[in-house]
C-alpha atoms as a PDB file:
ATOM      1  CA  MET A   1      -0.106   0.027  -0.059  1.00  0.00           C
ATOM      2  CA  SER A   2       1.289   3.587  -0.498  1.00  0.00           C
ATOM      3  CA  SER A   3      -0.070   6.965   0.041  1.00  0.00           C
ATOM      4  CA  LYS A   4      -3.042   8.432  -1.321  1.00  0.00           C
ATOM      5  CA  ASP A   5      -3.850  11.595  -3.222  1.00  0.00           C
ATOM      6  CA  TYR A   6      -7.668  12.630  -2.859  1.00  0.00           C
ATOM      7  CA  PHE A   7      -6.805  16.466  -3.192  1.00  0.00           C
ATOM      8  CA  SER A   8      -5.449  17.607  -6.258  1.00  0.00           C
ATOM      9  CA  GLU A   9      -8.672  18.273  -7.913  1.00  0.00           C
ATOM     10  CA  VAL A  10      -9.410  20.983  -5.038  1.00  0.00           C
ATOM     11  CA  ALA A  11      -5.821  22.133  -4.771  1.00  0.00           C
ATOM     12  CA  VAL A  12      -6.478  25.783  -5.481  1.00  0.00           C
ATOM     13  CA  ASP A  13      -9.360  25.727  -2.978  1.00  0.00           C
ATOM     14  CA  TYR A  14      -7.279  23.719  -0.333  1.00  0.00           C
ATOM     15  CA  GLY A  15      -4.742  26.922  -0.468  1.00  0.00           C
ATOM     16  CA  ARG A  16      -7.414  29.323  -0.454  1.00  0.00           C
ATOM     17  CA  TYR A  17     -10.101  28.024   2.549  1.00  0.00           C
ATOM     18  CA  ARG A  18      -8.051  25.562   4.765  1.00  0.00           C
ATOM     19  CA  PRO A  19      -7.035  27.208   7.893  1.00  0.00           C
ATOM     20  CA  ARG A  20      -3.720  28.062   8.761  1.00  0.00           C
ATOM     21  CA  TYR A  21      -1.933  26.635  12.172  1.00  0.00           C
ATOM     22  CA  PRO A  22      -0.852  28.565  14.946  1.00  0.00           C
ATOM     23  CA  LYS A  23       2.750  29.831  15.217  1.00  0.00           C
ATOM     24  CA  GLU A  24       2.807  28.766  18.787  1.00  0.00           C
ATOM     25  CA  LEU A  25       2.571  24.966  17.388  1.00  0.00           C
ATOM     26  CA  PHE A  26       5.887  25.474  15.362  1.00  0.00           C
ATOM     27  CA  GLU A  27       7.659  27.434  18.489  1.00  0.00           C
ATOM     28  CA  TYR A  28       6.692  24.319  20.391  1.00  0.00           C
ATOM     29  CA  LEU A  29       7.845  21.907  18.030  1.00  0.00           C
ATOM     30  CA  ALA A  30      11.238  23.928  17.412  1.00  0.00           C
ATOM     31  CA  SER A  31      12.031  23.752  21.297  1.00  0.00           C
ATOM     32  CA  THR A  32      11.678  20.103  21.323  1.00  0.00           C
ATOM     33  CA  THR A  33      14.722  19.661  18.902  1.00  0.00           C
ATOM     34  CA  ALA A  34      18.619  19.598  19.851  1.00  0.00           C
ATOM     35  CA  ARG A  35      19.286  21.220  16.301  1.00  0.00           C
ATOM     36  CA  ARG A  36      17.236  23.176  14.029  1.00  0.00           C
ATOM     37  CA  GLU A  37      18.994  22.550  10.880  1.00  0.00           C
ATOM     38  CA  ARG A  38      16.502  20.337   8.923  1.00  0.00           C
ATOM     39  CA  ALA A  39      13.093  19.474   8.877  1.00  0.00           C
ATOM     40  CA  TRP A  40      10.724  17.325   6.544  1.00  0.00           C
ATOM     41  CA  ASP A  41       7.171  18.062   6.173  1.00  0.00           C
ATOM     42  CA  CYS A  42       5.682  15.150   4.701  1.00  0.00           C
ATOM     43  CA  ALA A  43       2.171  15.267   2.639  1.00  0.00           C
ATOM     44  CA  THR A  44       2.635  18.971   2.801  1.00  0.00           C
ATOM     45  CA  GLY A  45      -0.193  19.839   0.542  1.00  0.00           C
ATOM     46  CA  ASN A  46       0.037  23.596  -0.237  1.00  0.00           C
ATOM     47  CA  GLY A  47       2.867  24.033   2.286  1.00  0.00           C
ATOM     48  CA  GLN A  48       0.987  25.459   5.270  1.00  0.00           C
ATOM     49  CA  ALA A  49       2.939  23.430   7.600  1.00  0.00           C
ATOM     50  CA  ALA A  50       6.529  23.734   5.875  1.00  0.00           C
ATOM     51  CA  LEU A  51       5.794  27.530   5.808  1.00  0.00           C
ATOM     52  CA  GLY A  52       5.682  27.529   9.677  1.00  0.00           C
ATOM     53  CA  LEU A  53       8.809  25.582  10.154  1.00  0.00           C
ATOM     54  CA  ALA A  54      10.784  27.821   7.976  1.00  0.00           C
ATOM     55  CA  ALA A  55      10.716  30.431  10.572  1.00  0.00           C
ATOM     56  CA  HIS A  56      12.605  27.948  12.863  1.00  0.00           C
ATOM     57  CA  PHE A  57      14.582  25.686  10.880  1.00  0.00           C
ATOM     58  CA  ASP A  58      17.423  26.279   8.296  1.00  0.00           C
ATOM     59  CA  GLN A  59      16.079  24.165   5.534  1.00  0.00           C
ATOM     60  CA  ILE A  60      12.708  22.374   5.200  1.00  0.00           C
ATOM     61  CA  ILE A  61      12.188  19.142   2.548  1.00  0.00           C
ATOM     62  CA  ALA A  62       8.277  19.508   1.891  1.00  0.00           C
ATOM     63  CA  THR A  63       7.144  16.387   0.256  1.00  0.00           C
ATOM     64  CA  ASP A  64       3.689  15.402  -1.510  1.00  0.00           C
ATOM     65  CA  LEU A  65       2.244  13.298  -4.144  1.00  0.00           C
ATOM     66  CA  SER A  66      -0.135  15.816  -5.807  1.00  0.00           C
ATOM     67  CA  GLU A  67       1.833  17.813  -8.070  1.00  0.00           C
ATOM     68  CA  LYS A  68      -1.260  20.306  -8.243  1.00  0.00           C
ATOM     69  CA  GLN A  69      -1.026  20.723  -4.578  1.00  0.00           C
ATOM     70  CA  LEU A  70       2.556  21.567  -4.846  1.00  0.00           C
ATOM     71  CA  SER A  71       2.429  24.064  -7.728  1.00  0.00           C
ATOM     72  CA  ASN A  72      -0.002  26.071  -5.272  1.00  0.00           C
ATOM     73  CA  ALA A  73       2.398  25.995  -2.711  1.00  0.00           C
ATOM     74  CA  VAL A  74       3.932  29.009  -0.753  1.00  0.00           C
ATOM     75  CA  ARG A  75       7.383  29.753  -2.137  1.00  0.00           C
ATOM     76  CA  HIS A  76      10.063  30.166   0.584  1.00  0.00           C
ATOM     77  CA  GLU A  77      13.708  30.557   0.387  1.00  0.00           C
ATOM     78  CA  ARG A  78      14.192  28.014   3.103  1.00  0.00           C
ATOM     79  CA  ILE A  79      11.612  25.423   1.504  1.00  0.00           C
ATOM     80  CA  ASN A  80      12.556  22.654  -1.282  1.00  0.00           C
ATOM     81  CA  TYR A  81       9.142  21.295  -2.512  1.00  0.00           C
ATOM     82  CA  LEU A  82       9.390  17.678  -3.937  1.00  0.00           C
ATOM     83  CA  ILE A  83       6.916  15.544  -5.374  1.00  0.00           C
ATOM     84  CA  SER A  84       7.534  12.051  -3.638  1.00  0.00           C
ATOM     85  CA  PRO A  85       5.841   9.109  -1.682  1.00  0.00           C
ATOM     86  CA  ALA A  86       5.977   9.222   2.247  1.00  0.00           C
ATOM     87  CA  GLU A  87       7.390   5.833   1.939  1.00  0.00           C
ATOM     88  CA  ASN A  88      10.402   6.298  -0.238  1.00  0.00           C
ATOM     89  CA  VAL A  89      11.835  10.205  -0.276  1.00  0.00           C
ATOM     90  CA  ASP A  90      14.996  11.336  -1.476  1.00  0.00           C
ATOM     91  CA  ILE A  91      16.611  12.093   2.067  1.00  0.00           C
ATOM     92  CA  GLU A  92      19.975  11.010   3.510  1.00  0.00           C
ATOM     93  CA  SER A  93      19.787   8.931   6.288  1.00  0.00           C
ATOM     94  CA  ASP A  94      20.370  10.415  10.034  1.00  0.00           C
ATOM     95  CA  SER A  95      19.737  14.010   8.792  1.00  0.00           C
ATOM     96  CA  ILE A  96      16.425  15.287   9.542  1.00  0.00           C
ATOM     97  CA  ASP A  97      15.928  16.732  12.933  1.00  0.00           C
ATOM     98  CA  LEU A  98      12.083  17.155  12.817  1.00  0.00           C
ATOM     99  CA  ILE A  99       9.232  15.709  11.060  1.00  0.00           C
ATOM    100  CA  THR A 100       5.871  16.864  10.575  1.00  0.00           C
ATOM    101  CA  VAL A 101       2.662  15.288   9.458  1.00  0.00           C
ATOM    102  CA  ALA A 102       0.018  17.822   9.252  1.00  0.00           C
ATOM    103  CA  GLN A 103      -3.466  16.479   8.731  1.00  0.00           C
ATOM    104  CA  ALA A 104      -2.471  13.649   6.586  1.00  0.00           C
ATOM    105  CA  LEU A 105      -0.949  10.689   8.332  1.00  0.00           C
ATOM    106  CA  HIS A 106      -4.126   8.829   7.954  1.00  0.00           C
ATOM    107  CA  TRP A 107      -3.648   8.865   4.382  1.00  0.00           C
ATOM    108  CA  LEU A 108      -0.228   7.217   4.305  1.00  0.00           C
ATOM    109  CA  ASP A 109       1.008   3.604   4.624  1.00  0.00           C
ATOM    110  CA  PHE A 110       1.929   3.324   8.166  1.00  0.00           C
ATOM    111  CA  ASP A 111       4.739   0.781   8.108  1.00  0.00           C
ATOM    112  CA  GLY A 112       6.210   2.050   4.813  1.00  0.00           C
ATOM    113  CA  PHE A 113       6.175   5.777   6.328  1.00  0.00           C
ATOM    114  CA  TYR A 114       7.326   5.026   9.742  1.00  0.00           C
ATOM    115  CA  LYS A 115      10.346   2.743   8.671  1.00  0.00           C
ATOM    116  CA  GLU A 116      11.345   5.644   6.155  1.00  0.00           C
ATOM    117  CA  ALA A 117      10.948   7.967   9.342  1.00  0.00           C
ATOM    118  CA  HIS A 118      13.208   6.027  11.326  1.00  0.00           C
ATOM    119  CA  ARG A 119      15.648   5.983   8.457  1.00  0.00           C
ATOM    120  CA  VAL A 120      16.055   9.690   7.950  1.00  0.00           C
ATOM    121  CA  LEU A 121      15.539  11.051  11.686  1.00  0.00           C
ATOM    122  CA  ARG A 122      18.848  11.632  13.686  1.00  0.00           C
ATOM    123  CA  ARG A 123      19.161   9.976  16.680  1.00  0.00           C
ATOM    124  CA  ASP A 124      17.658  12.560  18.911  1.00  0.00           C
ATOM    125  CA  GLY A 125      15.101  13.962  16.324  1.00  0.00           C
ATOM    126  CA  VAL A 126      11.279  14.328  16.823  1.00  0.00           C
ATOM    127  CA  ILE A 127       8.191  13.533  14.979  1.00  0.00           C
ATOM    128  CA  ALA A 128       4.788  15.630  15.154  1.00  0.00           C
ATOM    129  CA  VAL A 129       1.706  14.273  13.641  1.00  0.00           C
ATOM    130  CA  TRP A 130      -1.736  16.345  14.017  1.00  0.00           C
ATOM    131  CA  ALA A 131      -4.990  16.754  12.770  1.00  0.00           C
ATOM    132  CA  TYR A 132      -8.430  18.460  13.412  1.00  0.00           C
ATOM    133  CA  LYS A 133     -11.745  17.501  13.040  1.00  0.00           C
ATOM    134  CA  PHE A 134     -15.040  19.700  13.552  1.00  0.00           C
ATOM    135  CA  VAL A 135     -14.812  23.393  13.172  1.00  0.00           C
ATOM    136  CA  HIS A 136     -16.738  25.526  16.035  1.00  0.00           C
ATOM    137  CA  VAL A 137     -18.490  28.452  15.052  1.00  0.00           C
ATOM    138  CA  SER A 138     -21.710  28.895  17.318  1.00  0.00           C
ATOM    139  CA  PRO A 139     -23.839  26.211  18.818  1.00  0.00           C
ATOM    140  CA  SER A 140     -26.584  26.861  16.122  1.00  0.00           C
ATOM    141  CA  ILE A 141     -24.048  26.558  13.148  1.00  0.00           C
ATOM    142  CA  ASP A 142     -21.844  23.934  14.835  1.00  0.00           C
ATOM    143  CA  SER A 143     -25.120  21.863  15.422  1.00  0.00           C
ATOM    144  CA  VAL A 144     -25.793  22.370  11.412  1.00  0.00           C
ATOM    145  CA  LEU A 145     -22.311  21.333  10.388  1.00  0.00           C
ATOM    146  CA  GLU A 146     -22.163  18.215  12.977  1.00  0.00           C
ATOM    147  CA  GLU A 147     -25.290  17.008  10.974  1.00  0.00           C
ATOM    148  CA  PHE A 148     -24.033  17.797   7.733  1.00  0.00           C
ATOM    149  CA  HIS A 149     -20.583  15.814   8.690  1.00  0.00           C
ATOM    150  CA  ASP A 150     -22.286  12.871  10.599  1.00  0.00           C
ATOM    151  CA  LYS A 151     -25.586  12.220   8.446  1.00  0.00           C
ATOM    152  CA  THR A 152     -25.419  13.966   5.066  1.00  0.00           C
ATOM    153  CA  VAL A 153     -21.959  13.097   3.748  1.00  0.00           C
ATOM    154  CA  LYS A 154     -21.348  10.180   6.141  1.00  0.00           C
ATOM    155  CA  PRO A 155     -21.380   7.598   3.334  1.00  0.00           C
ATOM    156  CA  TYR A 156     -18.983   9.265   1.466  1.00  0.00           C
ATOM    157  CA  TRP A 157     -16.121   9.521   4.173  1.00  0.00           C
ATOM    158  CA  ARG A 158     -13.135   7.339   3.341  1.00  0.00           C
ATOM    159  CA  PRO A 159     -12.310   4.756   6.139  1.00  0.00           C
ATOM    160  CA  GLU A 160      -9.264   6.493   6.934  1.00  0.00           C
ATOM    161  CA  ASN A 161     -11.129   9.203   8.170  1.00  0.00           C
ATOM    162  CA  SER A 162     -12.270   7.500  11.189  1.00  0.00           C
ATOM    163  CA  LEU A 163      -8.623   7.535  12.296  1.00  0.00           C
ATOM    164  CA  VAL A 164      -9.303  11.473  12.658  1.00  0.00           C
ATOM    165  CA  ASP A 165     -12.531  10.833  14.397  1.00  0.00           C
ATOM    166  CA  GLU A 166     -10.732   9.029  17.097  1.00  0.00           C
ATOM    167  CA  LYS A 167      -8.345  11.823  17.171  1.00  0.00           C
ATOM    168  CA  PHE A 168      -5.288   9.630  16.101  1.00  0.00           C
ATOM    169  CA  TYR A 169      -5.378   7.808  19.517  1.00  0.00           C
ATOM    170  CA  SER A 170      -5.672   4.380  17.511  1.00  0.00           C
ATOM    171  CA  LEU A 171      -2.960   4.960  15.285  1.00  0.00           C
ATOM    172  CA  PRO A 172       0.566   2.973  15.672  1.00  0.00           C
ATOM    173  CA  PHE A 173       3.185   5.554  16.659  1.00  0.00           C
ATOM    174  CA  PRO A 174       6.485   3.635  17.115  1.00  0.00           C
ATOM    175  CA  PHE A 175       8.159   6.359  18.986  1.00  0.00           C
ATOM    176  CA  GLU A 176       8.865   7.660  22.498  1.00  0.00           C
ATOM    177  CA  GLU A 177       6.214   9.558  22.922  1.00  0.00           C
ATOM    178  CA  ILE A 178       6.037  13.185  24.433  1.00  0.00           C
ATOM    179  CA  ALA A 179       3.127  14.761  25.872  1.00  0.00           C
ATOM    180  CA  PRO A 180       2.351  17.869  23.961  1.00  0.00           C
ATOM    181  CA  PRO A 181       0.308  21.032  25.335  1.00  0.00           C
ATOM    182  CA  GLN A 182      -3.111  21.837  23.405  1.00  0.00           C
ATOM    183  CA  PHE A 183      -3.060  23.711  20.741  1.00  0.00           C
ATOM    184  CA  ASP A 184      -6.349  25.303  19.041  1.00  0.00           C
ATOM    185  CA  ILE A 185      -6.455  26.612  15.223  1.00  0.00           C
ATOM    186  CA  GLU A 186      -8.209  30.157  14.995  1.00  0.00           C
ATOM    187  CA  ALA A 187      -9.453  32.264  12.203  1.00  0.00           C
ATOM    188  CA  ALA A 188     -12.006  34.951  11.400  1.00  0.00           C
ATOM    189  CA  TRP A 189     -13.921  33.999   8.530  1.00  0.00           C
ATOM    190  CA  ASN A 190     -16.881  35.070   6.848  1.00  0.00           C
ATOM    191  CA  LEU A 191     -19.772  33.034   5.500  1.00  0.00           C
ATOM    192  CA  ASP A 192     -18.104  32.437   1.740  1.00  0.00           C
ATOM    193  CA  HIS A 193     -14.747  31.501   3.164  1.00  0.00           C
ATOM    194  CA  LEU A 194     -16.765  28.762   5.592  1.00  0.00           C
ATOM    195  CA  ILE A 195     -18.649  27.184   2.551  1.00  0.00           C
ATOM    196  CA  GLY A 196     -15.350  27.209   0.440  1.00  0.00           C
ATOM    197  CA  PHE A 197     -13.404  25.092   3.590  1.00  0.00           C
ATOM    198  CA  LEU A 198     -16.614  22.625   3.279  1.00  0.00           C
ATOM    199  CA  GLY A 199     -15.841  22.266  -0.440  1.00  0.00           C
ATOM    200  CA  THR A 200     -12.616  20.983   0.425  1.00  0.00           C
ATOM    201  CA  TRP A 201     -13.743  17.928   2.516  1.00  0.00           C
ATOM    202  CA  SER A 202     -12.924  14.754   0.730  1.00  0.00           C
ATOM    203  CA  ALA A 203     -16.388  13.596   1.493  1.00  0.00           C
ATOM    204  CA  VAL A 204     -17.949  16.297  -0.308  1.00  0.00           C
ATOM    205  CA  GLN A 205     -15.858  15.531  -3.333  1.00  0.00           C
ATOM    206  CA  THR A 206     -16.975  12.066  -3.340  1.00  0.00           C
ATOM    207  CA  PHE A 207     -20.643  12.932  -2.865  1.00  0.00           C
ATOM    208  CA  LYS A 208     -20.281  15.366  -5.861  1.00  0.00           C
ATOM    209  CA  GLU A 209     -18.615  12.581  -8.100  1.00  0.00           C
ATOM    210  CA  VAL A 210     -21.569   9.941  -7.005  1.00  0.00           C
ATOM    211  CA  ASN A 211     -24.683  12.294  -7.292  1.00  0.00           C
ATOM    212  CA  GLY A 212     -23.672  15.147  -9.720  1.00  0.00           C
ATOM    213  CA  SER A 213     -24.487  17.715  -7.129  1.00  0.00           C
ATOM    214  CA  ASP A 214     -22.804  19.443  -4.313  1.00  0.00           C
ATOM    215  CA  PRO A 215     -24.258  18.772  -1.049  1.00  0.00           C
ATOM    216  CA  VAL A 216     -22.934  22.080   0.783  1.00  0.00           C
ATOM    217  CA  GLU A 217     -25.932  23.834  -0.999  1.00  0.00           C
ATOM    218  CA  LEU A 218     -28.393  21.592   1.019  1.00  0.00           C
ATOM    219  CA  ILE A 219     -27.312  23.484   3.947  1.00  0.00           C
ATOM    220  CA  THR A 220     -26.355  26.926   2.483  1.00  0.00           C
ATOM    221  CA  GLU A 221     -29.689  28.496   3.127  1.00  0.00           C
ATOM    222  CA  ASP A 222     -29.669  27.432   6.908  1.00  0.00           C
ATOM    223  CA  LEU A 223     -25.997  28.935   7.373  1.00  0.00           C
ATOM    224  CA  LYS A 224     -27.351  32.026   5.681  1.00  0.00           C
ATOM    225  CA  ARG A 225     -29.880  32.358   8.160  1.00  0.00           C
ATOM    226  CA  MET A 226     -27.851  31.861  11.131  1.00  0.00           C
ATOM    227  CA  TRP A 227     -24.912  33.760   9.980  1.00  0.00           C
ATOM    228  CA  GLY A 228     -26.593  36.911   9.348  1.00  0.00           C
ATOM    229  CA  ASP A 229     -24.707  39.529   7.278  1.00  0.00           C
ATOM    230  CA  PRO A 230     -22.639  37.007   5.193  1.00  0.00           C
ATOM    231  CA  ALA A 231     -19.680  39.514   5.209  1.00  0.00           C
ATOM    232  CA  LEU A 232     -19.495  39.518   8.862  1.00  0.00           C
ATOM    233  CA  GLU A 233     -16.284  37.631  10.042  1.00  0.00           C
ATOM    234  CA  LYS A 234     -16.994  35.250  12.736  1.00  0.00           C
ATOM    235  CA  ARG A 235     -14.484  33.332  15.440  1.00  0.00           C
ATOM    236  CA  VAL A 236     -13.838  30.088  13.927  1.00  0.00           C
ATOM    237  CA  THR A 237     -11.853  27.228  15.899  1.00  0.00           C
ATOM    238  CA  TRP A 238     -10.677  23.914  15.668  1.00  0.00           C
ATOM    239  CA  PRO A 239      -9.037  21.792  18.437  1.00  0.00           C
ATOM    240  CA  LEU A 240      -5.796  20.455  17.134  1.00  0.00           C
ATOM    241  CA  TYR A 241      -4.923  16.436  17.951  1.00  0.00           C
ATOM    242  CA  LEU A 242      -1.341  16.347  18.401  1.00  0.00           C
ATOM    243  CA  ARG A 243       1.063  13.488  18.974  1.00  0.00           C
ATOM    244  CA  VAL A 244       4.842  14.036  19.474  1.00  0.00           C
ATOM    245  CA  GLY A 245       7.600  11.605  19.751  1.00  0.00           C
ATOM    246  CA  ARG A 246      11.251  10.866  19.513  1.00  0.00           C
ATOM    247  CA  ALA A 247      13.001   8.461  17.374  1.00  0.00           C
ATOM    248  CA  VAL A 248      13.744   5.089  19.077  1.00  0.00           C
ATOM    249  CA  ARG A 249      17.081   3.403  18.281  1.00  0.00           C
END
């Protein structure tokens, strides 16, 4: 089994509508490493996590299967983007201080990726993986979004998404685990941004392919009614599910 690419078709929207990770997350991750020379952001997508790492590490290697995702990634002098599977990356052994996998570990071949992670990590290297699930806006809007997630598009979620539902706790993680602090993503979005974000969900894309219609339209009127002025920006949050560990040799 190898890594899966389900997001090439929404690469532009992924970069436009997906939330940005908090800078405090990257400050914390940098504090866990003995050196800050080289980091690998695996399954980087449009490079959101790689960009956060660039403030703390001399060099970031950011890999992804999707050429479309990488073509929409933000360029930075410290980031080298490579089209590569997670399980066979062109990185020297014992050369990486930190590996990150943001919102993507559930799509990887665990055995292959972990073998590669142990190969490239330095003896004191660190790996951090994280994900987020529900977006929180207000009780009424959250209720609509949860029903949409758990009922409307539920048949179209791939089996791997259940690992996110379990907050990654059921995932294999063959590292010496470190207990991290809690981090939350926060953003100020208008209604169009929220609707655009929903359109990047893999289950929404599968629903469209199967039914020839956009399921987000089924809840758009409810969201408009609850939101009020669609141009009004509201505080939007997601709790991050984070696991951190050191290589065991």
